[in-house]
Amino acid sequence: LSMKPQSLIHVALGGPYDLALFPQAPAGVATYGDVPVSLEALSKALA
């Protein structure tokens, strides 16, 4: 984040509470787990 302060996307793969750790991240996304359908959905969302 210190290197890419304007171009870092933080994705919380487990609990969404990780999002609170990096409030300065330009973008934050939560998936609530990493089962295959969640990762497939994340791929579509990022695209």
All heavy atoms as atom14 arrays in JSON, in Angstrom:
{
  "sequence": "LSMKPQSLIHVALGGPYDLALFPQAPAGVATYGDVPVSLEALSKALA",
  "atom14_mask": [
    [1, 1, 1, 1, 1, 1, 1, 1, 0, 0, 0, 0, 0, 0],
    [1, 1, 1, 1, 1, 1, 0, 0, 0, 0, 0, 0, 0, 0],
    [1, 1, 1, 1, 1, 1, 1, 1, 0, 0, 0, 0, 0, 0],
    [1, 1, 1, 1, 1, 1, 1, 1, 1, 0, 0, 0, 0, 0],
    [1, 1, 1, 1, 1, 1, 1, 0, 0, 0, 0, 0, 0, 0],
    [1, 1, 1, 1, 1, 1, 1, 1, 1, 0, 0, 0, 0, 0],
    [1, 1, 1, 1, 1, 1, 0, 0, 0, 0, 0, 0, 0, 0],
    [1, 1, 1, 1, 1, 1, 1, 1, 0, 0, 0, 0, 0, 0],
    [1, 1, 1, 1, 1, 1, 1, 1, 0, 0, 0, 0, 0, 0],
    [1, 1, 1, 1, 1, 1, 1, 1, 1, 1, 0, 0, 0, 0],
    [1, 1, 1, 1, 1, 1, 1, 0, 0, 0, 0, 0, 0, 0],
    [1, 1, 1, 1, 1, 0, 0, 0, 0, 0, 0, 0, 0, 0],
    [1, 1, 1, 1, 1, 1, 1, 1, 0, 0, 0, 0, 0, 0],
    [1, 1, 1, 1, 0, 0, 0, 0, 0, 0, 0, 0, 0, 0],
    [1, 1, 1, 1, 0, 0, 0, 0, 0, 0, 0, 0, 0, 0],
    [1, 1, 1, 1, 1, 1, 1, 0, 0, 0, 0, 0, 0, 0],
    [1, 1, 1, 1, 1, 1, 1, 1, 1, 1, 1, 1, 0, 0],
    [1, 1, 1, 1, 1, 1, 1, 1, 0, 0, 0, 0, 0, 0],
    [1, 1, 1, 1, 1, 1, 1, 1, 0, 0, 0, 0, 0, 0],
    [1, 1, 1, 1, 1, 0, 0, 0, 0, 0, 0, 0, 0, 0],
    [1, 1, 1, 1, 1, 1, 1, 1, 0, 0, 0, 0, 0, 0],
    [1, 1, 1, 1, 1, 1, 1, 1, 1, 1, 1, 0, 0, 0],
    [1, 1, 1, 1, 1, 1, 1, 0, 0, 0, 0, 0, 0, 0],
    [1, 1, 1, 1, 1, 1, 1, 1, 1, 0, 0, 0, 0, 0],
    [1, 1, 1, 1, 1, 0, 0, 0, 0, 0, 0, 0, 0, 0],
    [1, 1, 1, 1, 1, 1, 1, 0, 0, 0, 0, 0, 0, 0],
    [1, 1, 1, 1, 1, 0, 0, 0, 0, 0, 0, 0, 0, 0],
    [1, 1, 1, 1, 0, 0, 0, 0, 0, 0, 0, 0, 0, 0],
    [1, 1, 1, 1, 1, 1, 1, 0, 0, 0, 0, 0, 0, 0],
    [1, 1, 1, 1, 1, 0, 0, 0, 0, 0, 0, 0, 0, 0],
    [1, 1, 1, 1, 1, 1, 1, 0, 0, 0, 0, 0, 0, 0],
    [1, 1, 1, 1, 1, 1, 1, 1, 1, 1, 1, 1, 0, 0],
    [1, 1, 1, 1, 0, 0, 0, 0, 0, 0, 0, 0, 0, 0],
    [1, 1, 1, 1, 1, 1, 1, 1, 0, 0, 0, 0, 0, 0],
    [1, 1, 1, 1, 1, 1, 1, 0, 0, 0, 0, 0, 0, 0],
    [1, 1, 1, 1, 1, 1, 1, 0, 0, 0, 0, 0, 0, 0],
    [1, 1, 1, 1, 1, 1, 1, 0, 0, 0, 0, 0, 0, 0],
    [1, 1, 1, 1, 1, 1, 0, 0, 0, 0, 0, 0, 0, 0],
    [1, 1, 1, 1, 1, 1, 1, 1, 0, 0, 0, 0, 0, 0],
    [1, 1, 1, 1, 1, 1, 1, 1, 1, 0, 0, 0, 0, 0],
    [1, 1, 1, 1, 1, 0, 0, 0, 0, 0, 0, 0, 0, 0],
    [1, 1, 1, 1, 1, 1, 1, 1, 0, 0, 0, 0, 0, 0],
    [1, 1, 1, 1, 1, 1, 0, 0, 0, 0, 0, 0, 0, 0],
    [1, 1, 1, 1, 1, 1, 1, 1, 1, 0, 0, 0, 0, 0],
    [1, 1, 1, 1, 1, 0, 0, 0, 0, 0, 0, 0, 0, 0],
    [1, 1, 1, 1, 1, 1, 1, 1, 0, 0, 0, 0, 0, 0],
    [1, 1, 1, 1, 1, 0, 0, 0, 0, 0, 0, 0, 0, 0]
  ],
  "atom14_positions": [
    [[0.82, -1.21, 0.0], [0.0, 0.0, 0.0], [0.85, 1.26, 0.0], [0.53, 2.26, -0.65], [-0.94, -0.02, 1.21], [-2.03, 1.04, 1.29], [-2.9, 1.02, 0.04], [-2.87, 0.81, 2.53], [0.0, 0.0, 0.0], [0.0, 0.0, 0.0], [0.0, 0.0, 0.0], [0.0, 0.0, 0.0], [0.0, 0.0, 0.0], [0.0, 0.0, 0.0]],
    [[1.98, 1.2, 0.7], [2.87, 2.35, 0.73], [3.49, 2.62, -0.64], [3.83, 3.76, -0.97], [3.98, 2.14, 1.77], [4.86, 1.1, 1.37], [0.0, 0.0, 0.0], [0.0, 0.0, 0.0], [0.0, 0.0, 0.0], [0.0, 0.0, 0.0], [0.0, 0.0, 0.0], [0.0, 0.0, 0.0], [0.0, 0.0, 0.0], [0.0, 0.0, 0.0]],
    [[3.62, 1.56, -1.44], [4.2, 1.7, -2.78], [3.14, 2.06, -3.82], [3.44, 2.72, -4.8], [4.87, 0.39, -3.19], [6.05, -0.02, -2.33], [6.69, -1.57, -2.94], [6.97, -1.16, -4.65], [0.0, 0.0, 0.0], [0.0, 0.0, 0.0], [0.0, 0.0, 0.0], [0.0, 0.0, 0.0], [0.0, 0.0, 0.0], [0.0, 0.0, 0.0]],
    [[1.93, 1.56, -3.63], [0.86, 1.76, -4.6], [-0.34, 2.42, -3.92], [-1.44, 1.86, -3.88], [0.44, 0.4, -5.2], [1.52, -0.29, -5.99], [1.68, 0.36, -7.37], [2.68, -0.38, -8.22], [2.8, 0.22, -9.57], [0.0, 0.0, 0.0], [0.0, 0.0, 0.0], [0.0, 0.0, 0.0], [0.0, 0.0, 0.0], [0.0, 0.0, 0.0]],
    [[-0.18, 3.6, -3.37], [-1.26, 4.2, -2.58], [-2.51, 4.54, -3.39], [-3.59, 4.7, -2.82], [-0.61, 5.48, -2.03], [0.5, 5.79, -2.99], [1.01, 4.46, -3.45], [0.0, 0.0, 0.0], [0.0, 0.0, 0.0], [0.0, 0.0, 0.0], [0.0, 0.0, 0.0], [0.0, 0.0, 0.0], [0.0, 0.0, 0.0], [0.0, 0.0, 0.0]],
    [[-2.38, 4.64, -4.72], [-3.53, 4.99, -5.54], [-4.02, 3.83, -6.41], [-5.02, 3.98, -7.12], [-3.18, 6.17, -6.45], [-2.76, 7.42, -5.72], [-3.84, 7.93, -4.78], [-5.01, 7.96, -5.14], [-3.45, 8.3, -3.57], [0.0, 0.0, 0.0], [0.0, 0.0, 0.0], [0.0, 0.0, 0.0], [0.0, 0.0, 0.0], [0.0, 0.0, 0.0]],
    [[-3.34, 2.7, -6.35], [-3.69, 1.63, -7.29], [-3.7, 0.25, -6.64], [-3.41, -0.75, -7.29], [-2.72, 1.63, -8.48], [-1.38, 1.49, -8.02], [0.0, 0.0, 0.0], [0.0, 0.0, 0.0], [0.0, 0.0, 0.0], [0.0, 0.0, 0.0], [0.0, 0.0, 0.0], [0.0, 0.0, 0.0], [0.0, 0.0, 0.0], [0.0, 0.0, 0.0]],
    [[-4.04, 0.18, -5.35], [-4.1, -1.1, -4.66], [-5.55, -1.46, -4.32], [-6.29, -0.64, -3.77], [-3.26, -1.09, -3.39], [-3.19, -2.45, -2.66], [-1.76, -2.77, -2.22], [-4.13, -2.5, -1.46], [0.0, 0.0, 0.0], [0.0, 0.0, 0.0], [0.0, 0.0, 0.0], [0.0, 0.0, 0.0], [0.0, 0.0, 0.0], [0.0, 0.0, 0.0]],
    [[-5.9, -2.67, -4.65], [-7.23, -3.21, -4.35], [-7.06, -4.28, -3.29], [-6.31, -5.25, -3.48], [-7.87, -3.82, -5.61], [-7.96, -2.77, -6.72], [-9.24, -4.42, -5.29], [-7.94, -3.37, -8.1], [0.0, 0.0, 0.0], [0.0, 0.0, 0.0], [0.0, 0.0, 0.0], [0.0, 0.0, 0.0], [0.0, 0.0, 0.0], [0.0, 0.0, 0.0]],
    [[-7.74, -4.11, -2.17], [-7.67, -5.11, -1.1], [-8.9, -6.0, -1.17], [-10.04, -5.5, -1.19], [-7.58, -4.44, 0.27], [-7.76, -5.4, 1.4], [-8.6, -5.16, 2.48], [-7.2, -6.62, 1.65], [-8.55, -6.18, 3.31], [-7.71, -7.07, 2.82], [0.0, 0.0, 0.0], [0.0, 0.0, 0.0], [0.0, 0.0, 0.0], [0.0, 0.0, 0.0]],
    [[-8.68, -7.3, -1.23], [-9.78, -8.27, -1.27], [-9.71, -9.13, -0.02], [-8.72, -9.85, 0.2], [-9.7, -9.16, -2.53], [-10.84, -10.17, -2.52], [-9.74, -8.31, -3.79], [0.0, 0.0, 0.0], [0.0, 0.0, 0.0], [0.0, 0.0, 0.0], [0.0, 0.0, 0.0], [0.0, 0.0, 0.0], [0.0, 0.0, 0.0], [0.0, 0.0, 0.0]],
    [[-10.76, -9.07, 0.82], [-10.85, -9.9, 2.02], [-11.48, -11.23, 1.64], [-12.68, -11.3, 1.38], [-11.66, -9.19, 3.09], [0.0, 0.0, 0.0], [0.0, 0.0, 0.0], [0.0, 0.0, 0.0], [0.0, 0.0, 0.0], [0.0, 0.0, 0.0], [0.0, 0.0, 0.0], [0.0, 0.0, 0.0], [0.0, 0.0, 0.0], [0.0, 0.0, 0.0]],
    [[-10.67, -12.28, 1.6], [-11.16, -13.6, 1.19], [-11.9, -14.33, 2.3], [-12.7, -15.22, 2.03], [-9.99, -14.48, 0.74], [-9.45, -14.32, -0.68], [-8.33, -15.3, -0.9], [-10.55, -14.51, -1.7], [0.0, 0.0, 0.0], [0.0, 0.0, 0.0], [0.0, 0.0, 0.0], [0.0, 0.0, 0.0], [0.0, 0.0, 0.0], [0.0, 0.0, 0.0]],
    [[-11.6, -14.01, 3.55], [-12.27, -14.66, 4.67], [-13.29, -13.72, 5.28], [-14.2, -13.24, 4.62], [0.0, 0.0, 0.0], [0.0, 0.0, 0.0], [0.0, 0.0, 0.0], [0.0, 0.0, 0.0], [0.0, 0.0, 0.0], [0.0, 0.0, 0.0], [0.0, 0.0, 0.0], [0.0, 0.0, 0.0], [0.0, 0.0, 0.0], [0.0, 0.0, 0.0]],
    [[-13.11, -13.44, 6.59], [-14.02, -12.5, 7.23], [-13.86, -11.1, 6.67], [-12.75, -10.67, 6.35], [0.0, 0.0, 0.0], [0.0, 0.0, 0.0], [0.0, 0.0, 0.0], [0.0, 0.0, 0.0], [0.0, 0.0, 0.0], [0.0, 0.0, 0.0], [0.0, 0.0, 0.0], [0.0, 0.0, 0.0], [0.0, 0.0, 0.0], [0.0, 0.0, 0.0]],
    [[-14.96, -10.36, 6.56], [-14.88, -9.0, 6.02], [-14.21, -8.02, 6.97], [-13.93, -6.88, 6.58], [-16.35, -8.63, 5.81], [-17.08, -9.43, 6.83], [-16.34, -10.73, 6.92], [0.0, 0.0, 0.0], [0.0, 0.0, 0.0], [0.0, 0.0, 0.0], [0.0, 0.0, 0.0], [0.0, 0.0, 0.0], [0.0, 0.0, 0.0], [0.0, 0.0, 0.0]],
    [[-13.93, -8.46, 8.18], [-13.32, -7.58, 9.17], [-11.93, -7.1, 8.74], [-11.45, -6.07, 9.2], [-13.24, -8.29, 10.53], [-14.58, -8.8, 11.0], [-14.9, -10.14, 10.92], [-15.54, -7.92, 11.48], [-16.14, -10.62, 11.32], [-16.78, -8.38, 11.89], [-17.08, -9.74, 11.8], [-18.32, -10.19, 12.19], [0.0, 0.0, 0.0], [0.0, 0.0, 0.0]],
    [[-11.29, -7.84, 7.84], [-9.99, -7.39, 7.31], [-10.09, -6.03, 6.64], [-9.11, -5.3, 6.57], [-9.44, -8.42, 6.31], [-8.79, -9.61, 6.98], [-8.9, -9.74, 8.21], [-8.19, -10.43, 6.27], [0.0, 0.0, 0.0], [0.0, 0.0, 0.0], [0.0, 0.0, 0.0], [0.0, 0.0, 0.0], [0.0, 0.0, 0.0], [0.0, 0.0, 0.0]],
    [[-11.27, -5.7, 6.11], [-11.42, -4.42, 5.42], [-11.15, -3.24, 6.35], [-10.68, -2.19, 5.91], [-12.84, -4.3, 4.84], [-13.2, -5.27, 3.71], [-14.66, -5.09, 3.32], [-12.29, -5.08, 2.51], [0.0, 0.0, 0.0], [0.0, 0.0, 0.0], [0.0, 0.0, 0.0], [0.0, 0.0, 0.0], [0.0, 0.0, 0.0], [0.0, 0.0, 0.0]],
    [[-11.44, -3.43, 7.63], [-11.22, -2.34, 8.59], [-9.74, -2.12, 8.89], [-9.36, -1.07, 9.42], [-11.96, -2.64, 9.89], [0.0, 0.0, 0.0], [0.0, 0.0, 0.0], [0.0, 0.0, 0.0], [0.0, 0.0, 0.0], [0.0, 0.0, 0.0], [0.0, 0.0, 0.0], [0.0, 0.0, 0.0], [0.0, 0.0, 0.0], [0.0, 0.0, 0.0]],
    [[-8.9, -3.08, 8.54], [-7.47, -2.97, 8.83], [-6.76, -2.0, 7.87], [-5.72, -1.45, 8.2], [-6.8, -4.34, 8.73], [-7.29, -5.42, 9.68], [-6.6, -6.74, 9.36], [-7.03, -5.02, 11.13], [0.0, 0.0, 0.0], [0.0, 0.0, 0.0], [0.0, 0.0, 0.0], [0.0, 0.0, 0.0], [0.0, 0.0, 0.0], [0.0, 0.0, 0.0]],
    [[-7.35, -1.84, 6.68], [-6.67, -1.04, 5.65], [-7.63, 0.0, 5.08], [-7.96, -0.03, 3.88], [-6.15, -1.97, 4.54], [-5.44, -3.19, 5.05], [-6.04, -4.45, 4.99], [-4.2, -3.08, 5.65], [-5.41, -5.57, 5.48], [-3.54, -4.21, 6.14], [-4.14, -5.45, 6.07], [0.0, 0.0, 0.0], [0.0, 0.0, 0.0], [0.0, 0.0, 0.0]],
    [[-8.1, 0.93, 5.91], [-9.08, 1.92, 5.43], [-8.51, 2.82, 4.35], [-9.27, 3.41, 3.57], [-9.43, 2.7, 6.7], [-8.23, 2.53, 7.59], [-7.74, 1.14, 7.33], [0.0, 0.0, 0.0], [0.0, 0.0, 0.0], [0.0, 0.0, 0.0], [0.0, 0.0, 0.0], [0.0, 0.0, 0.0], [0.0, 0.0, 0.0], [0.0, 0.0, 0.0]],
    [[-7.17, 2.94, 4.3], [-6.57, 3.82, 3.29], [-6.44, 3.16, 1.92], [-6.06, 3.83, 0.95], [-5.19, 4.3, 3.77], [-4.11, 3.24, 3.84], [-4.13, 2.44, 5.14], [-5.19, 2.13, 5.68], [-2.94, 2.12, 5.63], [0.0, 0.0, 0.0], [0.0, 0.0, 0.0], [0.0, 0.0, 0.0], [0.0, 0.0, 0.0], [0.0, 0.0, 0.0]],
    [[-6.76, 1.87, 1.82], [-6.7, 1.21, 0.52], [-7.71, 1.87, -0.42], [-8.87, 2.07, -0.04], [-7.0, -0.27, 0.66], [0.0, 0.0, 0.0], [0.0, 0.0, 0.0], [0.0, 0.0, 0.0], [0.0, 0.0, 0.0], [0.0, 0.0, 0.0], [0.0, 0.0, 0.0], [0.0, 0.0, 0.0], [0.0, 0.0, 0.0], [0.0, 0.0, 0.0]],
    [[-7.33, 2.19, -1.64], [-8.25, 2.86, -2.56], [-9.53, 2.07, -2.84], [-10.58, 2.64, -3.06], [-7.43, 3.02, -3.84], [-6.01, 2.98, -3.38], [-5.98, 2.05, -2.21], [0.0, 0.0, 0.0], [0.0, 0.0, 0.0], [0.0, 0.0, 0.0], [0.0, 0.0, 0.0], [0.0, 0.0, 0.0], [0.0, 0.0, 0.0], [0.0, 0.0, 0.0]],
    [[-9.42, 0.74, -2.83], [-10.59, -0.1, -3.09], [-10.59, -1.28, -2.13], [-9.53, -1.83, -1.8], [-10.61, -0.59, -4.54], [0.0, 0.0, 0.0], [0.0, 0.0, 0.0], [0.0, 0.0, 0.0], [0.0, 0.0, 0.0], [0.0, 0.0, 0.0], [0.0, 0.0, 0.0], [0.0, 0.0, 0.0], [0.0, 0.0, 0.0], [0.0, 0.0, 0.0]],
    [[-11.78, -1.67, -1.67], [-11.91, -2.81, -0.77], [-13.08, -3.69, -1.18], [-14.18, -3.19, -1.45], [0.0, 0.0, 0.0], [0.0, 0.0, 0.0], [0.0, 0.0, 0.0], [0.0, 0.0, 0.0], [0.0, 0.0, 0.0], [0.0, 0.0, 0.0], [0.0, 0.0, 0.0], [0.0, 0.0, 0.0], [0.0, 0.0, 0.0], [0.0, 0.0, 0.0]],
    [[-12.84, -5.01, -1.24], [-13.85, -5.97, -1.68], [-13.9, -7.12, -0.67], [-12.87, -7.54, -0.14], [-13.49, -6.53, -3.08], [-14.5, -7.6, -3.52], [-13.44, -5.41, -4.11], [0.0, 0.0, 0.0], [0.0, 0.0, 0.0], [0.0, 0.0, 0.0], [0.0, 0.0, 0.0], [0.0, 0.0, 0.0], [0.0, 0.0, 0.0], [0.0, 0.0, 0.0]],
    [[-15.1, -7.64, -0.42], [-15.27, -8.79, 0.48], [-15.95, -9.93, -0.26], [-16.9, -9.71, -1.02], [-16.09, -8.4, 1.7], [0.0, 0.0, 0.0], [0.0, 0.0, 0.0], [0.0, 0.0, 0.0], [0.0, 0.0, 0.0], [0.0, 0.0, 0.0], [0.0, 0.0, 0.0], [0.0, 0.0, 0.0], [0.0, 0.0, 0.0], [0.0, 0.0, 0.0]],
    [[-15.47, -11.15, -0.02], [-16.06, -12.35, -0.65], [-16.7, -13.29, 0.35], [-17.45, -14.17, -0.04], [-14.99, -13.16, -1.42], [-14.06, -13.72, -0.47], [-14.25, -12.28, -2.41], [0.0, 0.0, 0.0], [0.0, 0.0, 0.0], [0.0, 0.0, 0.0], [0.0, 0.0, 0.0], [0.0, 0.0, 0.0], [0.0, 0.0, 0.0], [0.0, 0.0, 0.0]],
    [[-16.37, -13.17, 1.64], [-16.93, -14.01, 2.71], [-16.59, -15.49, 2.53], [-17.39, -16.37, 2.83], [-18.45, -13.85, 2.79], [-18.9, -12.41, 2.75], [-19.37, -11.84, 1.57], [-18.82, -11.61, 3.88], [-19.76, -10.51, 1.52], [-19.22, -10.27, 3.84], [-19.67, -9.73, 2.66], [-20.06, -8.41, 2.6], [0.0, 0.0, 0.0], [0.0, 0.0, 0.0]],
    [[-15.38, -15.75, 2.05], [-14.94, -17.14, 1.9], [-14.35, -17.37, 0.52], [-14.45, -16.53, -0.38], [0.0, 0.0, 0.0], [0.0, 0.0, 0.0], [0.0, 0.0, 0.0], [0.0, 0.0, 0.0], [0.0, 0.0, 0.0], [0.0, 0.0, 0.0], [0.0, 0.0, 0.0], [0.0, 0.0, 0.0], [0.0, 0.0, 0.0], [0.0, 0.0, 0.0]],
    [[-13.69, -18.53, 0.39], [-12.99, -18.82, -0.87], [-13.41, -20.14, -1.48], [-12.62, -20.82, -2.13], [-11.47, -18.81, -0.64], [-11.01, -19.87, 0.35], [-11.87, -20.56, 0.95], [-9.79, -20.03, 0.53], [0.0, 0.0, 0.0], [0.0, 0.0, 0.0], [0.0, 0.0, 0.0], [0.0, 0.0, 0.0], [0.0, 0.0, 0.0], [0.0, 0.0, 0.0]],
    [[-14.68, -20.51, -1.29], [-15.17, -21.7, -1.99], [-15.18, -21.4, -3.49], [-15.21, -20.24, -3.9], [-16.57, -22.12, -1.5], [-16.52, -22.5, -0.02], [-17.6, -21.03, -1.75], [0.0, 0.0, 0.0], [0.0, 0.0, 0.0], [0.0, 0.0, 0.0], [0.0, 0.0, 0.0], [0.0, 0.0, 0.0], [0.0, 0.0, 0.0], [0.0, 0.0, 0.0]],
    [[-15.15, -22.43, -4.33], [-15.02, -22.19, -5.77], [-16.05, -21.22, -6.36], [-15.7, -20.38, -7.19], [-15.15, -23.59, -6.37], [-14.54, -24.48, -5.31], [-14.99, -23.86, -4.01], [0.0, 0.0, 0.0], [0.0, 0.0, 0.0], [0.0, 0.0, 0.0], [0.0, 0.0, 0.0], [0.0, 0.0, 0.0], [0.0, 0.0, 0.0], [0.0, 0.0, 0.0]],
    [[-17.32, -21.32, -5.94], [-18.31, -20.41, -6.54], [-18.06, -18.96, -6.14], [-18.32, -18.03, -6.91], [-19.76, -20.82, -6.19], [-20.16, -22.08, -6.92], [-19.96, -20.93, -4.68], [0.0, 0.0, 0.0], [0.0, 0.0, 0.0], [0.0, 0.0, 0.0], [0.0, 0.0, 0.0], [0.0, 0.0, 0.0], [0.0, 0.0, 0.0], [0.0, 0.0, 0.0]],
    [[-17.52, -18.75, -4.94], [-17.2, -17.38, -4.52], [-16.05, -16.81, -5.33], [-16.05, -15.63, -5.7], [-16.85, -17.35, -3.03], [-18.0, -17.64, -2.23], [0.0, 0.0, 0.0], [0.0, 0.0, 0.0], [0.0, 0.0, 0.0], [0.0, 0.0, 0.0], [0.0, 0.0, 0.0], [0.0, 0.0, 0.0], [0.0, 0.0, 0.0], [0.0, 0.0, 0.0]],
    [[-15.06, -17.64, -5.64], [-13.94, -17.18, -6.45], [-14.36, -16.97, -7.91], [-13.89, -16.04, -8.57], [-12.78, -18.17, -6.36], [-12.12, -18.28, -4.99], [-10.97, -19.27, -5.03], [-11.63, -16.92, -4.5], [0.0, 0.0, 0.0], [0.0, 0.0, 0.0], [0.0, 0.0, 0.0], [0.0, 0.0, 0.0], [0.0, 0.0, 0.0], [0.0, 0.0, 0.0]],
    [[-15.25, -17.82, -8.39], [-15.77, -17.61, -9.75], [-16.54, -16.3, -9.82], [-16.4, -15.53, -10.78], [-16.67, -18.78, -10.16], [-17.17, -18.69, -11.58], [-18.0, -19.89, -12.0], [-17.95, -20.93, -11.3], [-18.7, -19.79, -13.04], [0.0, 0.0, 0.0], [0.0, 0.0, 0.0], [0.0, 0.0, 0.0], [0.0, 0.0, 0.0], [0.0, 0.0, 0.0]],
    [[-17.35, -16.04, -8.78], [-18.11, -14.79, -8.75], [-17.18, -13.59, -8.64], [-17.38, -12.55, -9.28], [-19.09, -14.82, -7.58], [0.0, 0.0, 0.0], [0.0, 0.0, 0.0], [0.0, 0.0, 0.0], [0.0, 0.0, 0.0], [0.0, 0.0, 0.0], [0.0, 0.0, 0.0], [0.0, 0.0, 0.0], [0.0, 0.0, 0.0], [0.0, 0.0, 0.0]],
    [[-16.12, -13.72, -7.83], [-15.14, -12.64, -7.69], [-14.48, -12.35, -9.03], [-14.29, -11.17, -9.41], [-14.09, -13.01, -6.65], [-12.92, -12.04, -6.5], [-13.4, -10.68, -5.99], [-11.86, -12.62, -5.55], [0.0, 0.0, 0.0], [0.0, 0.0, 0.0], [0.0, 0.0, 0.0], [0.0, 0.0, 0.0], [0.0, 0.0, 0.0], [0.0, 0.0, 0.0]],
    [[-14.12, -13.39, -9.77], [-13.5, -13.21, -11.08], [-14.39, -12.4, -12.0], [-13.94, -11.47, -12.69], [-13.21, -14.57, -11.72], [-12.36, -15.35, -10.91], [0.0, 0.0, 0.0], [0.0, 0.0, 0.0], [0.0, 0.0, 0.0], [0.0, 0.0, 0.0], [0.0, 0.0, 0.0], [0.0, 0.0, 0.0], [0.0, 0.0, 0.0], [0.0, 0.0, 0.0]],
    [[-15.67, -12.72, -12.0], [-16.62, -11.99, -12.84], [-16.76, -10.54, -12.39], [-16.86, -9.63, -13.23], [-17.97, -12.7, -12.83], [-17.95, -14.07, -13.49], [-19.34, -14.71, -13.46], [-19.34, -16.04, -14.19], [-20.69, -16.66, -14.2], [0.0, 0.0, 0.0], [0.0, 0.0, 0.0], [0.0, 0.0, 0.0], [0.0, 0.0, 0.0], [0.0, 0.0, 0.0]],
    [[-16.77, -10.34, -11.07], [-16.92, -8.98, -10.56], [-15.71, -8.12, -10.91], [-15.84, -6.96, -11.31], [-17.13, -9.03, -9.05], [0.0, 0.0, 0.0], [0.0, 0.0, 0.0], [0.0, 0.0, 0.0], [0.0, 0.0, 0.0], [0.0, 0.0, 0.0], [0.0, 0.0, 0.0], [0.0, 0.0, 0.0], [0.0, 0.0, 0.0], [0.0, 0.0, 0.0]],
    [[-14.5, -8.68, -10.75], [-13.29, -7.92, -11.06], [-13.21, -7.6, -12.56], [-12.67, -6.57, -12.95], [-12.05, -8.7, -10.64], [-11.88, -8.94, -9.13], [-10.64, -9.77, -8.87], [-11.81, -7.63, -8.36], [0.0, 0.0, 0.0], [0.0, 0.0, 0.0], [0.0, 0.0, 0.0], [0.0, 0.0, 0.0], [0.0, 0.0, 0.0], [0.0, 0.0, 0.0]],
    [[-13.76, -8.49, -13.38], [-13.73, -8.28, -14.83], [-14.85, -7.36, -15.3], [-14.87, -6.96, -16.47], [-13.83, -9.62, -15.54], [0.0, 0.0, 0.0], [0.0, 0.0, 0.0], [0.0, 0.0, 0.0], [0.0, 0.0, 0.0], [0.0, 0.0, 0.0], [0.0, 0.0, 0.0], [0.0, 0.0, 0.0], [0.0, 0.0, 0.0], [0.0, 0.0, 0.0]]
  ]
}
